C-alpha cells in the first residue's frame, strides 16, 4: 500500500522504516490489502511514535470479534530516531507522514519527515513530471 498523495503534497526531508504493533486479524487484513494510509499521520506521545487515522479493514474470515478500523497504532523505532524526530518537529510546518506499508514476514511502514508544499510547488512538480515523461518518450 503506497501513499501517492504523500510525495505530491509534501516535500520529503528524511525517511525512516518502522514496525507496526498489530493484532492477529489486522495483520491478516494487511496481507489481503485492506489498508488505506492516504489521510493518516504520525504523532509523538510520551516518547512513543503513534500513527493515527490509518484504516485497516475488517478481516473477512474473522467472525468472533469486531476490530476497530481506525484506532491509534504504535510504531516501533529506536530511541535515537525518536530523539532526532522530536528535535526536528519543533520547526513550524514539519510533520510525519506514512509513505508505504509492506507486509512480508513482518509488517513494516516507511514514514517520512515532511514539510507541506504550497500550490506553486505542486504545479512545478506536475510540470517536471510531465517534462520528464516527455523526455523519456523522445529517447
N, C-alpha and C. Protein backbone atom coordinates (compact mmCIF):
# COMPACT_ATOMS: atom_id res chain seq x y z
N UNK A 1 0.84 -1.15 0.00
CA UNK A 1 0.00 0.00 0.00
C UNK A 1 0.90 1.24 0.00
N UNK A 2 0.66 2.11 -0.95
CA UNK A 2 1.50 3.29 -1.13
C UNK A 2 0.63 4.54 -0.96
N UNK A 3 1.20 5.55 -0.32
CA UNK A 3 0.55 6.84 -0.15
C UNK A 3 0.99 7.75 -1.29
N UNK A 4 0.23 7.76 -2.38
CA UNK A 4 0.61 8.55 -3.55
C UNK A 4 0.51 10.05 -3.29
N UNK A 5 -0.45 10.44 -2.46
CA UNK A 5 -0.63 11.86 -2.17
C UNK A 5 0.51 12.40 -1.30
N UNK A 6 1.21 11.52 -0.60
CA UNK A 6 2.26 11.96 0.31
C UNK A 6 3.40 12.67 -0.39
N UNK A 7 3.89 12.10 -1.46
CA UNK A 7 5.00 12.72 -2.18
C UNK A 7 4.55 13.93 -3.00
N UNK A 8 3.26 13.99 -3.33
CA UNK A 8 2.74 15.12 -4.10
C UNK A 8 2.50 16.34 -3.20
N UNK A 9 1.91 16.12 -2.03
CA UNK A 9 1.53 17.23 -1.17
C UNK A 9 2.61 17.66 -0.20
N UNK A 10 3.66 16.84 -0.03
CA UNK A 10 4.71 17.15 0.93
C UNK A 10 6.08 17.05 0.29
N UNK A 11 6.99 17.84 0.80
CA UNK A 11 8.40 17.75 0.43
C UNK A 11 9.06 16.84 1.47
N UNK A 12 9.63 15.73 1.01
CA UNK A 12 10.19 14.73 1.90
C UNK A 12 11.58 15.17 2.34
N UNK A 13 11.80 15.24 3.67
CA UNK A 13 13.10 15.65 4.21
C UNK A 13 13.94 14.45 4.62
N UNK A 14 13.37 13.52 5.38
CA UNK A 14 14.07 12.32 5.82
C UNK A 14 13.09 11.15 5.81
N UNK A 15 13.60 9.94 5.56
CA UNK A 15 12.76 8.75 5.57
C UNK A 15 13.26 7.77 6.63
N UNK A 16 12.31 7.06 7.24
CA UNK A 16 12.59 6.05 8.27
C UNK A 16 11.73 4.82 8.00
N UNK A 17 12.18 3.69 8.51
CA UNK A 17 11.40 2.46 8.46
C UNK A 17 11.06 2.05 9.89
N UNK A 18 9.80 1.71 10.12
CA UNK A 18 9.35 1.36 11.46
C UNK A 18 8.48 0.11 11.40
N UNK A 19 8.40 -0.58 12.51
CA UNK A 19 7.49 -1.70 12.65
C UNK A 19 6.16 -1.19 13.18
N UNK A 20 5.11 -2.00 13.03
CA UNK A 20 3.77 -1.61 13.50
C UNK A 20 3.30 -2.66 14.50
N UNK A 21 2.70 -2.22 15.59
CA UNK A 21 2.11 -3.13 16.56
C UNK A 21 0.67 -3.39 16.12
N UNK A 22 0.38 -4.64 15.73
CA UNK A 22 -0.93 -5.01 15.21
C UNK A 22 -1.48 -6.24 15.94
N UNK A 23 -2.78 -6.45 15.82
CA UNK A 23 -3.40 -7.68 16.32
C UNK A 23 -3.38 -8.72 15.21
N UNK A 24 -3.78 -9.93 15.52
CA UNK A 24 -3.75 -11.02 14.54
C UNK A 24 -4.64 -10.78 13.34
N UNK A 25 -5.87 -10.32 13.57
CA UNK A 25 -6.77 -10.10 12.44
C UNK A 25 -6.34 -8.91 11.59
N UNK A 26 -5.66 -7.93 12.21
CA UNK A 26 -5.19 -6.77 11.45
C UNK A 26 -4.08 -7.15 10.48
N UNK A 27 -3.18 -8.02 10.91
CA UNK A 27 -2.09 -8.44 10.01
C UNK A 27 -2.65 -9.27 8.86
N UNK A 28 -3.70 -10.05 9.12
CA UNK A 28 -4.34 -10.81 8.05
C UNK A 28 -5.03 -9.88 7.06
N UNK A 29 -5.64 -8.82 7.57
CA UNK A 29 -6.27 -7.82 6.70
C UNK A 29 -5.22 -7.11 5.85
N UNK A 30 -4.07 -6.79 6.45
CA UNK A 30 -2.98 -6.15 5.69
C UNK A 30 -2.50 -7.05 4.56
N UNK A 31 -2.40 -8.34 4.83
CA UNK A 31 -1.96 -9.27 3.78
C UNK A 31 -2.95 -9.34 2.63
N UNK A 32 -4.24 -9.09 2.92
CA UNK A 32 -5.25 -9.06 1.87
C UNK A 32 -5.29 -7.72 1.15
N UNK A 33 -4.57 -6.72 1.68
CA UNK A 33 -4.53 -5.41 1.04
C UNK A 33 -5.62 -4.46 1.50
N UNK A 34 -6.22 -4.70 2.65
CA UNK A 34 -7.30 -3.86 3.15
C UNK A 34 -6.76 -2.74 4.02
N UNK A 35 -5.96 -1.86 3.44
CA UNK A 35 -5.32 -0.80 4.20
C UNK A 35 -5.31 0.49 3.38
N UNK A 36 -5.60 1.62 4.05
CA UNK A 36 -5.55 2.93 3.42
C UNK A 36 -4.76 3.86 4.33
N UNK A 37 -3.70 4.49 3.79
CA UNK A 37 -2.85 5.37 4.60
C UNK A 37 -2.81 6.79 4.06
N UNK A 38 -3.69 7.13 3.13
CA UNK A 38 -3.60 8.45 2.49
C UNK A 38 -3.87 9.60 3.45
N UNK A 39 -4.78 9.44 4.40
CA UNK A 39 -5.11 10.53 5.31
C UNK A 39 -4.49 10.37 6.68
N UNK A 40 -3.57 9.45 6.84
CA UNK A 40 -3.01 9.20 8.16
C UNK A 40 -1.76 10.05 8.40
N UNK A 41 -1.41 10.18 9.68
CA UNK A 41 -0.25 10.96 10.09
C UNK A 41 0.27 10.38 11.40
N UNK A 42 1.48 10.77 11.77
CA UNK A 42 2.11 10.24 12.98
C UNK A 42 2.30 11.36 14.00
N UNK A 43 2.18 11.01 15.28
CA UNK A 43 2.40 11.96 16.37
C UNK A 43 3.31 11.31 17.41
N UNK A 44 4.00 12.16 18.15
CA UNK A 44 4.84 11.69 19.25
C UNK A 44 4.11 11.95 20.57
N UNK A 45 3.84 10.88 21.31
CA UNK A 45 3.17 10.99 22.61
C UNK A 45 3.97 10.16 23.61
N UNK A 46 4.46 10.81 24.67
CA UNK A 46 5.23 10.14 25.72
C UNK A 46 6.42 9.35 25.16
N UNK A 47 7.17 9.98 24.26
CA UNK A 47 8.33 9.36 23.61
C UNK A 47 7.98 8.07 22.87
N UNK A 48 6.76 7.99 22.36
CA UNK A 48 6.33 6.88 21.52
C UNK A 48 5.74 7.46 20.24
N UNK A 49 6.04 6.83 19.13
CA UNK A 49 5.51 7.27 17.84
C UNK A 49 4.22 6.50 17.56
N UNK A 50 3.14 7.23 17.31
CA UNK A 50 1.83 6.63 17.11
C UNK A 50 1.28 7.11 15.77
N UNK A 51 0.72 6.17 15.00
CA UNK A 51 0.09 6.53 13.74
C UNK A 51 -1.41 6.64 13.97
N UNK A 52 -1.98 7.72 13.45
CA UNK A 52 -3.41 7.99 13.62
C UNK A 52 -4.09 7.98 12.26
N UNK A 53 -5.36 7.61 12.29
CA UNK A 53 -6.24 7.65 11.12
C UNK A 53 -5.81 6.67 10.03
N UNK A 54 -5.13 5.61 10.38
CA UNK A 54 -4.76 4.57 9.42
C UNK A 54 -5.88 3.54 9.39
N UNK A 55 -6.47 3.35 8.22
CA UNK A 55 -7.60 2.43 8.08
C UNK A 55 -7.10 1.04 7.74
N UNK A 56 -7.46 0.07 8.56
CA UNK A 56 -7.24 -1.34 8.25
C UNK A 56 -8.60 -2.01 8.32
N UNK A 57 -9.07 -2.53 7.19
CA UNK A 57 -10.41 -3.07 7.08
C UNK A 57 -10.62 -4.34 7.91
N UNK A 58 -11.89 -4.68 8.06
CA UNK A 58 -12.27 -5.88 8.83
C UNK A 58 -11.84 -7.11 8.05
N UNK A 59 -11.23 -8.07 8.75
CA UNK A 59 -10.81 -9.33 8.13
C UNK A 59 -12.06 -10.14 7.80
N UNK A 60 -12.16 -10.62 6.57
CA UNK A 60 -13.38 -11.28 6.09
C UNK A 60 -13.72 -12.57 6.83
N UNK A 61 -12.74 -13.35 7.21
CA UNK A 61 -12.99 -14.67 7.79
C UNK A 61 -12.99 -14.66 9.31
N UNK A 62 -12.99 -13.49 9.93
CA UNK A 62 -12.99 -13.37 11.38
C UNK A 62 -14.43 -13.10 11.84
N UNK A 63 -15.06 -14.11 12.44
CA UNK A 63 -16.45 -13.97 12.86
C UNK A 63 -16.59 -13.78 14.36
N UNK A 64 -15.48 -13.90 15.11
CA UNK A 64 -15.59 -13.87 16.56
C UNK A 64 -15.53 -12.47 17.14
N UNK A 65 -14.68 -11.58 16.61
CA UNK A 65 -14.52 -10.25 17.21
C UNK A 65 -14.63 -9.17 16.15
N UNK A 66 -15.06 -8.03 16.60
CA UNK A 66 -15.08 -6.84 15.76
C UNK A 66 -13.79 -6.08 16.01
N UNK A 67 -13.12 -5.63 14.95
CA UNK A 67 -11.91 -4.84 15.15
C UNK A 67 -12.19 -3.38 14.81
N UNK A 68 -11.53 -2.52 15.54
CA UNK A 68 -11.66 -1.09 15.31
C UNK A 68 -10.81 -0.74 14.09
N UNK A 69 -11.40 -0.12 13.08
CA UNK A 69 -10.69 0.07 11.81
C UNK A 69 -9.73 1.25 11.82
N UNK A 70 -9.99 2.29 12.61
CA UNK A 70 -9.13 3.48 12.60
C UNK A 70 -8.57 3.79 13.98
N UNK A 71 -8.11 2.79 14.68
CA UNK A 71 -7.56 3.03 16.02
C UNK A 71 -6.11 3.52 15.91
N UNK A 72 -5.60 4.11 17.00
CA UNK A 72 -4.20 4.52 17.05
C UNK A 72 -3.32 3.29 17.18
N UNK A 73 -2.24 3.24 16.39
CA UNK A 73 -1.33 2.09 16.43
C UNK A 73 0.08 2.59 16.72
N UNK A 74 0.78 1.85 17.58
CA UNK A 74 2.14 2.23 17.97
C UNK A 74 3.12 1.79 16.89
N UNK A 75 4.10 2.67 16.61
CA UNK A 75 5.16 2.35 15.67
C UNK A 75 6.43 2.07 16.44
N UNK A 76 7.21 1.14 15.95
CA UNK A 76 8.42 0.70 16.64
C UNK A 76 9.66 1.25 15.93
N UNK A 77 10.29 2.25 16.55
CA UNK A 77 11.57 2.77 16.06
C UNK A 77 12.50 2.95 17.26
N UNK A 78 13.76 3.18 16.97
CA UNK A 78 14.74 3.27 18.05
C UNK A 78 14.63 4.59 18.80
N UNK A 79 15.17 4.62 20.02
CA UNK A 79 15.15 5.84 20.83
C UNK A 79 15.94 6.96 20.18
N UNK A 80 17.01 6.59 19.51
CA UNK A 80 17.84 7.58 18.82
C UNK A 80 17.04 8.28 17.73
N UNK A 81 16.26 7.51 16.97
CA UNK A 81 15.43 8.09 15.92
C UNK A 81 14.31 8.95 16.51
N UNK A 82 13.76 8.53 17.65
CA UNK A 82 12.71 9.32 18.30
C UNK A 82 13.26 10.66 18.76
N UNK A 83 14.48 10.66 19.32
CA UNK A 83 15.10 11.93 19.74
C UNK A 83 15.33 12.84 18.55
N UNK A 84 15.79 12.27 17.44
CA UNK A 84 16.03 13.06 16.23
C UNK A 84 14.71 13.66 15.70
N UNK A 85 13.64 12.87 15.75
CA UNK A 85 12.34 13.35 15.28
C UNK A 85 11.79 14.46 16.18
N UNK A 86 11.98 14.34 17.49
CA UNK A 86 11.46 15.37 18.40
C UNK A 86 12.16 16.70 18.18
N UNK A 87 13.47 16.67 17.90
CA UNK A 87 14.17 17.93 17.64
C UNK A 87 13.75 18.55 16.31
N UNK A 88 13.45 17.71 15.32
CA UNK A 88 13.05 18.23 14.01
C UNK A 88 11.60 18.73 14.01
N UNK A 89 10.73 18.14 14.84
CA UNK A 89 9.32 18.52 14.83
C UNK A 89 9.06 19.88 15.47
N UNK A 90 10.07 20.47 16.10
CA UNK A 90 9.91 21.79 16.70
C UNK A 90 9.67 22.85 15.62
N UNK A 91 10.29 22.66 14.45
CA UNK A 91 10.13 23.61 13.35
C UNK A 91 8.67 23.67 12.90
N UNK A 92 8.25 24.85 12.45
CA UNK A 92 6.88 25.05 12.01
C UNK A 92 6.67 24.40 10.65
N UNK A 93 5.54 23.72 10.49
CA UNK A 93 5.18 23.13 9.21
C UNK A 93 5.76 21.75 8.96
N UNK A 94 6.45 21.17 9.94
CA UNK A 94 7.04 19.85 9.77
C UNK A 94 6.08 18.81 10.37
N UNK A 95 5.88 17.71 9.67
CA UNK A 95 5.02 16.63 10.15
C UNK A 95 5.62 15.28 9.76
N UNK A 96 5.06 14.22 10.30
CA UNK A 96 5.49 12.87 9.96
C UNK A 96 4.34 12.18 9.25
N UNK A 97 4.61 11.71 8.03
CA UNK A 97 3.57 11.05 7.24
C UNK A 97 4.02 9.65 6.85
N UNK A 98 3.08 8.71 6.69
CA UNK A 98 3.42 7.39 6.18
C UNK A 98 3.51 7.42 4.65
N UNK A 99 4.48 6.69 4.11
CA UNK A 99 4.64 6.63 2.66
C UNK A 99 4.24 5.28 2.08
N UNK A 100 4.58 4.20 2.79
CA UNK A 100 4.38 2.88 2.22
C UNK A 100 4.28 1.84 3.33
N UNK A 101 3.38 0.88 3.16
CA UNK A 101 3.25 -0.24 4.08
C UNK A 101 3.63 -1.50 3.33
N UNK A 102 4.57 -2.26 3.89
CA UNK A 102 4.97 -3.53 3.29
C UNK A 102 4.69 -4.65 4.28
N UNK A 103 4.23 -5.78 3.76
CA UNK A 103 3.93 -6.93 4.60
C UNK A 103 4.67 -8.12 4.03
N UNK A 104 5.59 -8.63 4.80
CA UNK A 104 6.30 -9.85 4.47
C UNK A 104 6.17 -10.75 5.68
N UNK A 105 7.30 -11.13 6.23
CA UNK A 105 7.28 -11.86 7.49
C UNK A 105 6.79 -10.94 8.60
N UNK A 106 7.19 -9.66 8.52
CA UNK A 106 6.78 -8.64 9.48
C UNK A 106 6.11 -7.50 8.73
N UNK A 107 5.25 -6.76 9.42
CA UNK A 107 4.62 -5.58 8.83
C UNK A 107 5.52 -4.38 9.10
N UNK A 108 5.94 -3.70 8.06
CA UNK A 108 6.80 -2.52 8.17
C UNK A 108 6.11 -1.35 7.49
N UNK A 109 6.43 -0.16 7.97
CA UNK A 109 5.88 1.05 7.39
C UNK A 109 7.02 2.03 7.17
N UNK A 110 7.04 2.65 6.00
CA UNK A 110 8.02 3.69 5.71
C UNK A 110 7.37 5.02 6.04
N UNK A 111 7.99 5.77 6.95
CA UNK A 111 7.48 7.08 7.33
C UNK A 111 8.49 8.13 6.91
N UNK A 112 8.03 9.35 6.81
CA UNK A 112 8.92 10.43 6.36
C UNK A 112 8.66 11.69 7.16
N UNK A 113 9.73 12.39 7.44
CA UNK A 113 9.65 13.73 7.99
C UNK A 113 9.41 14.64 6.79
N UNK A 114 8.30 15.37 6.81
CA UNK A 114 7.91 16.10 5.61
C UNK A 114 7.47 17.52 5.93
N UNK A 115 7.57 18.36 4.92
CA UNK A 115 7.13 19.75 5.02
C UNK A 115 6.11 19.97 3.91
N UNK A 116 5.00 20.60 4.22
CA UNK A 116 3.93 20.81 3.25
C UNK A 116 4.33 21.71 2.10
N UNK A 117 3.87 21.36 0.90
CA UNK A 117 4.12 22.19 -0.28
C UNK A 117 2.99 23.18 -0.44
N UNK A 118 3.30 24.32 -1.07
CA UNK A 118 2.23 25.24 -1.41
C UNK A 118 1.79 24.96 -2.85
N UNK A 119 0.78 25.68 -3.33
CA UNK A 119 0.19 25.41 -4.65
C UNK A 119 1.21 25.57 -5.76
N UNK A 120 2.08 26.57 -5.65
CA UNK A 120 3.09 26.83 -6.68
C UNK A 120 4.05 25.64 -6.80
N UNK A 121 4.46 25.08 -5.65
CA UNK A 121 5.37 23.93 -5.68
C UNK A 121 4.70 22.70 -6.28
N UNK A 122 3.40 22.52 -5.99
CA UNK A 122 2.68 21.38 -6.54
C UNK A 122 2.59 21.47 -8.06
N UNK A 123 2.31 22.69 -8.57
CA UNK A 123 2.25 22.87 -10.02
C UNK A 123 3.60 22.63 -10.66
N UNK A 124 4.67 23.05 -9.99
CA UNK A 124 6.02 22.84 -10.52
C UNK A 124 6.35 21.35 -10.57
N UNK A 125 5.95 20.60 -9.56
CA UNK A 125 6.24 19.17 -9.58
C UNK A 125 5.47 18.46 -10.68
N UNK A 126 4.25 18.92 -10.99
CA UNK A 126 3.49 18.36 -12.11
C UNK A 126 4.19 18.66 -13.42
N UNK A 127 4.67 19.91 -13.60
CA UNK A 127 5.39 20.27 -14.83
C UNK A 127 6.65 19.44 -15.01
N UNK A 128 7.42 19.29 -13.92
CA UNK A 128 8.65 18.50 -14.01
C UNK A 128 8.36 17.04 -14.34
N UNK A 129 7.30 16.50 -13.76
CA UNK A 129 6.94 15.10 -14.05
C UNK A 129 6.55 14.94 -15.50
N UNK A 130 5.76 15.90 -16.05
CA UNK A 130 5.35 15.82 -17.45
C UNK A 130 6.53 15.99 -18.40
N UNK A 131 7.45 16.91 -18.08
CA UNK A 131 8.64 17.09 -18.91
C UNK A 131 9.53 15.86 -18.89
N UNK A 132 9.66 15.25 -17.73
CA UNK A 132 10.47 14.02 -17.62
C UNK A 132 9.85 12.89 -18.42
N UNK A 133 8.54 12.77 -18.36
CA UNK A 133 7.84 11.72 -19.12
C UNK A 133 8.00 11.96 -20.62
N UNK A 134 7.87 13.20 -21.06
CA UNK A 134 8.05 13.52 -22.47
C UNK A 134 9.47 13.29 -22.94
N UNK A 135 10.45 13.62 -22.09
CA UNK A 135 11.85 13.40 -22.41
C UNK A 135 12.15 11.91 -22.58
N UNK A 136 11.62 11.10 -21.69
CA UNK A 136 11.83 9.65 -21.80
C UNK A 136 11.14 9.07 -23.03
N UNK A 137 10.03 9.64 -23.42
CA UNK A 137 9.30 9.17 -24.60
C UNK A 137 10.07 9.48 -25.86
N UNK A 138 10.78 10.61 -25.91
CA UNK A 138 11.52 11.02 -27.10
C UNK A 138 12.85 10.29 -27.26
N UNK A 139 13.32 9.67 -26.21
CA UNK A 139 14.63 8.98 -26.31
C UNK A 139 14.53 7.71 -27.06
